[in-house]
Amino acid sequence: MTITDLSSDTWKFDLDEPDDLSVAFIAQYYRVHIGDLNNLINQGFYISDTYEIVDENGNEIDVDAVSIYKKLFEIYYFRKQSKTYLGAGGVDSVVSVTQDGTTFRGVERNGIAKTYNDLLKESKNDLKNLVNNYKFNRSTARQVVGDDFLGDDCVRVVDPRNGNSSY
């Protein structure tokens, strides 16, 4: 998957084509933050000369890692939006104004910022679950403890008092 494909997919489907954001901006975010993805999931993805996201073996990024990568951008976007609406340039706090038969209704900027903060918390929780599932699905047993490797000449004796065994 290329950075451009990932960026346009994020802009169009995940964020529903926001006016204040461009595909180029999202692509730049993904280029700069590939290390964040690698640190989260203990992988070695990088962006090739053809803008493909590949691992150190040249394999294309898998869909689970793409989901985590997208969630990283979503968290960034919601944090940015929350700060924007809490700042001095945020939406005016007028709730309703009526003049000459025309009514204007605005939303309080603190309410909008609170909504973005709620989305931010939900996205962080989703990211945590995605990362845990990613790591769990790729984990392997490092050691299997048992006595199935002993030869035929070993005799196993079980103590009837406590069930412990010895050889």
Protein backbone atom coordinates (compact mmCIF):
# COMPACT_ATOMS: atom_id res chain seq x y z
CA MET A 1 0.00 0.00 0.00
CA THR A 2 1.35 3.41 -0.89
CA ILE A 3 1.31 6.48 1.32
CA THR A 4 -1.01 8.19 -1.19
CA ASP A 5 -3.51 5.33 -1.12
CA LEU A 6 -3.47 5.26 2.67
CA SER A 7 -3.85 9.04 2.90
CA SER A 8 -6.72 9.31 0.45
CA ASP A 9 -8.47 6.37 2.11
CA THR A 10 -8.12 8.08 5.50
CA TRP A 11 -9.36 11.42 4.15
CA LYS A 12 -12.30 10.01 2.22
CA PHE A 13 -13.60 7.14 4.32
CA ASP A 14 -12.31 7.56 7.87
CA LEU A 15 -12.72 11.33 8.20
CA ASP A 16 -15.50 11.88 5.63
CA GLU A 17 -13.65 14.42 3.46
CA PRO A 18 -13.07 17.31 5.88
CA ASP A 19 -12.61 20.76 4.30
CA ASP A 20 -9.82 21.78 6.67
CA LEU A 21 -7.57 18.86 5.73
CA SER A 22 -5.88 17.70 2.53
CA VAL A 23 -4.63 14.32 1.36
CA ALA A 24 -1.13 15.82 1.05
CA PHE A 25 -1.16 16.86 4.71
CA ILE A 26 -2.21 13.37 5.79
CA ALA A 27 0.48 11.82 3.56
CA GLN A 28 3.12 14.03 5.18
CA TYR A 29 1.91 12.97 8.63
CA TYR A 30 2.25 9.31 7.66
CA ARG A 31 5.76 9.87 6.25
CA VAL A 32 6.96 11.57 9.42
CA HIS A 33 5.30 9.20 11.91
CA ILE A 34 6.26 5.78 10.54
CA GLY A 35 8.52 5.40 13.60
CA ASP A 36 5.54 5.81 15.94
CA LEU A 37 3.88 2.83 14.27
CA ASN A 38 7.08 0.77 14.51
CA ASN A 39 7.50 1.57 18.20
CA LEU A 40 3.94 0.59 19.01
CA ILE A 41 3.95 -2.78 17.28
CA ASN A 42 7.68 -3.65 17.36
CA GLN A 43 8.05 -3.82 13.60
CA GLY A 44 10.45 -2.33 11.06
CA PHE A 45 8.24 -0.72 8.43
CA TYR A 46 9.68 1.99 6.23
CA ILE A 47 8.62 3.97 3.17
CA SER A 48 10.37 2.83 -0.01
CA ASP A 49 11.47 4.98 -2.94
CA THR A 50 8.14 4.23 -4.63
CA TYR A 51 6.26 5.39 -1.48
CA GLU A 52 5.21 1.83 -0.61
CA ILE A 53 5.04 0.94 3.08
CA VAL A 54 7.11 -2.23 3.46
CA ASP A 55 8.97 -4.12 6.18
CA GLU A 56 12.68 -4.93 6.27
CA ASN A 57 12.05 -8.05 4.13
CA GLY A 58 10.25 -6.05 1.43
CA ASN A 59 6.79 -7.37 2.37
CA GLU A 60 3.89 -4.96 2.09
CA ILE A 61 2.29 -3.66 5.29
CA ASP A 62 -0.56 -5.86 6.50
CA VAL A 63 -4.12 -4.67 7.10
CA ASP A 64 -3.84 -4.89 10.90
CA ALA A 65 -0.86 -2.54 10.93
CA VAL A 66 -2.70 -0.19 8.54
CA SER A 67 -5.59 0.01 11.01
CA ILE A 68 -3.20 1.00 13.79
CA TYR A 69 -1.49 3.54 11.52
CA LYS A 70 -4.85 5.11 10.65
CA LYS A 71 -5.83 5.22 14.31
CA LEU A 72 -2.64 7.15 15.09
CA PHE A 73 -3.65 9.83 12.60
CA GLU A 74 -7.21 9.87 13.93
CA ILE A 75 -5.91 10.56 17.44
CA TYR A 76 -3.72 13.37 16.09
CA TYR A 77 -6.65 14.89 14.20
CA PHE A 78 -9.07 14.78 17.14
CA ARG A 79 -6.45 16.30 19.47
CA LYS A 80 -5.82 19.07 16.94
CA GLN A 81 -9.54 19.78 16.52
CA SER A 82 -10.08 19.88 20.28
CA LYS A 83 -7.28 22.42 20.69
CA THR A 84 -8.65 24.48 17.80
CA TYR A 85 -12.08 24.83 19.36
CA LEU A 86 -10.68 25.59 22.80
CA GLY A 87 -8.42 28.34 21.42
CA ALA A 88 -9.26 32.01 20.94
CA GLY A 89 -10.07 31.46 17.26
CA GLY A 90 -12.66 28.81 18.00
CA VAL A 91 -16.37 28.93 17.22
CA ASP A 92 -18.25 31.80 18.85
CA SER A 93 -20.20 30.82 21.94
CA VAL A 94 -23.50 32.36 20.73
CA VAL A 95 -26.28 29.82 21.16
CA SER A 96 -29.18 31.48 19.30
CA VAL A 97 -29.82 34.91 17.69
CA THR A 98 -33.03 36.01 15.96
CA GLN A 99 -33.22 39.16 13.84
CA ASP A 100 -35.64 40.18 11.07
CA GLY A 101 -37.21 36.75 10.97
CA THR A 102 -33.88 34.98 10.54
CA THR A 103 -32.56 32.71 13.27
CA PHE A 104 -28.94 31.79 13.67
CA ARG A 105 -28.01 28.96 15.97
CA GLY A 106 -24.42 28.35 16.99
CA VAL A 107 -22.86 25.71 19.12
CA GLU A 108 -20.86 26.55 22.17
CA ARG A 109 -17.19 25.93 21.42
CA ASN A 110 -16.63 24.16 24.73
CA GLY A 111 -19.31 21.65 23.71
CA ILE A 112 -17.55 20.99 20.41
CA ALA A 113 -14.19 20.65 22.16
CA LYS A 114 -15.76 18.24 24.66
CA THR A 115 -17.11 16.14 21.79
CA TYR A 116 -13.65 15.99 20.19
CA ASN A 117 -12.14 15.07 23.57
CA ASP A 118 -14.65 12.22 23.87
CA LEU A 119 -13.72 11.05 20.36
CA LEU A 120 -10.05 11.33 21.32
CA LYS A 121 -10.54 9.12 24.39
CA GLU A 122 -12.47 6.56 22.36
CA SER A 123 -9.77 6.52 19.68
CA LYS A 124 -7.03 6.03 22.27
CA ASN A 125 -8.93 3.10 23.73
CA ASP A 126 -9.41 1.64 20.24
CA LEU A 127 -5.68 2.06 19.54
CA LYS A 128 -4.79 0.25 22.74
CA ASN A 129 -7.07 -2.66 21.79
CA LEU A 130 -5.72 -2.79 18.22
CA VAL A 131 -2.11 -2.85 19.40
CA ASN A 132 -2.81 -5.54 22.00
CA ASN A 133 -4.59 -7.70 19.44
CA TYR A 134 -1.81 -7.16 16.89
CA LYS A 135 0.85 -8.27 19.34
CA PHE A 136 -1.20 -11.19 20.66
CA ASN A 137 -1.94 -12.55 17.18
CA ARG A 138 1.74 -12.49 16.25
CA SER A 139 3.10 -13.94 19.47
CA THR A 140 4.64 -17.38 19.65
CA ALA A 141 5.59 -19.60 22.55
CA ARG A 142 9.25 -19.26 23.47
CA GLN A 143 9.46 -22.34 25.66
CA VAL A 144 7.27 -25.38 26.15
CA VAL A 145 7.84 -27.05 29.48
CA GLY A 146 7.15 -30.75 29.76
CA ASP A 147 8.67 -34.18 30.09
CA ASP A 148 7.93 -35.51 26.61
CA PHE A 149 11.59 -35.24 25.61
CA LEU A 150 12.85 -37.84 28.11
CA GLY A 151 13.97 -41.19 26.80
CA ASP A 152 12.51 -44.64 27.52
CA ASP A 153 15.09 -45.40 30.20
CA CYS A 154 13.62 -42.79 32.58
CA VAL A 155 11.00 -43.99 35.04
CA ARG A 156 8.48 -41.54 36.34
CA VAL A 157 7.40 -41.99 39.95
CA VAL A 158 4.30 -40.20 41.22
CA ASP A 159 3.95 -39.53 44.93
CA PRO A 160 0.35 -40.46 45.87
CA ARG A 161 0.32 -38.02 48.83
CA ASN A 162 0.75 -34.80 46.83
CA GLY A 163 0.81 -35.80 43.15
CA ASN A 164 4.40 -34.62 42.60
CA SER A 165 6.47 -36.62 40.19
CA SER A 166 10.16 -37.45 40.12
CA TYR A 167 12.53 -39.39 37.84
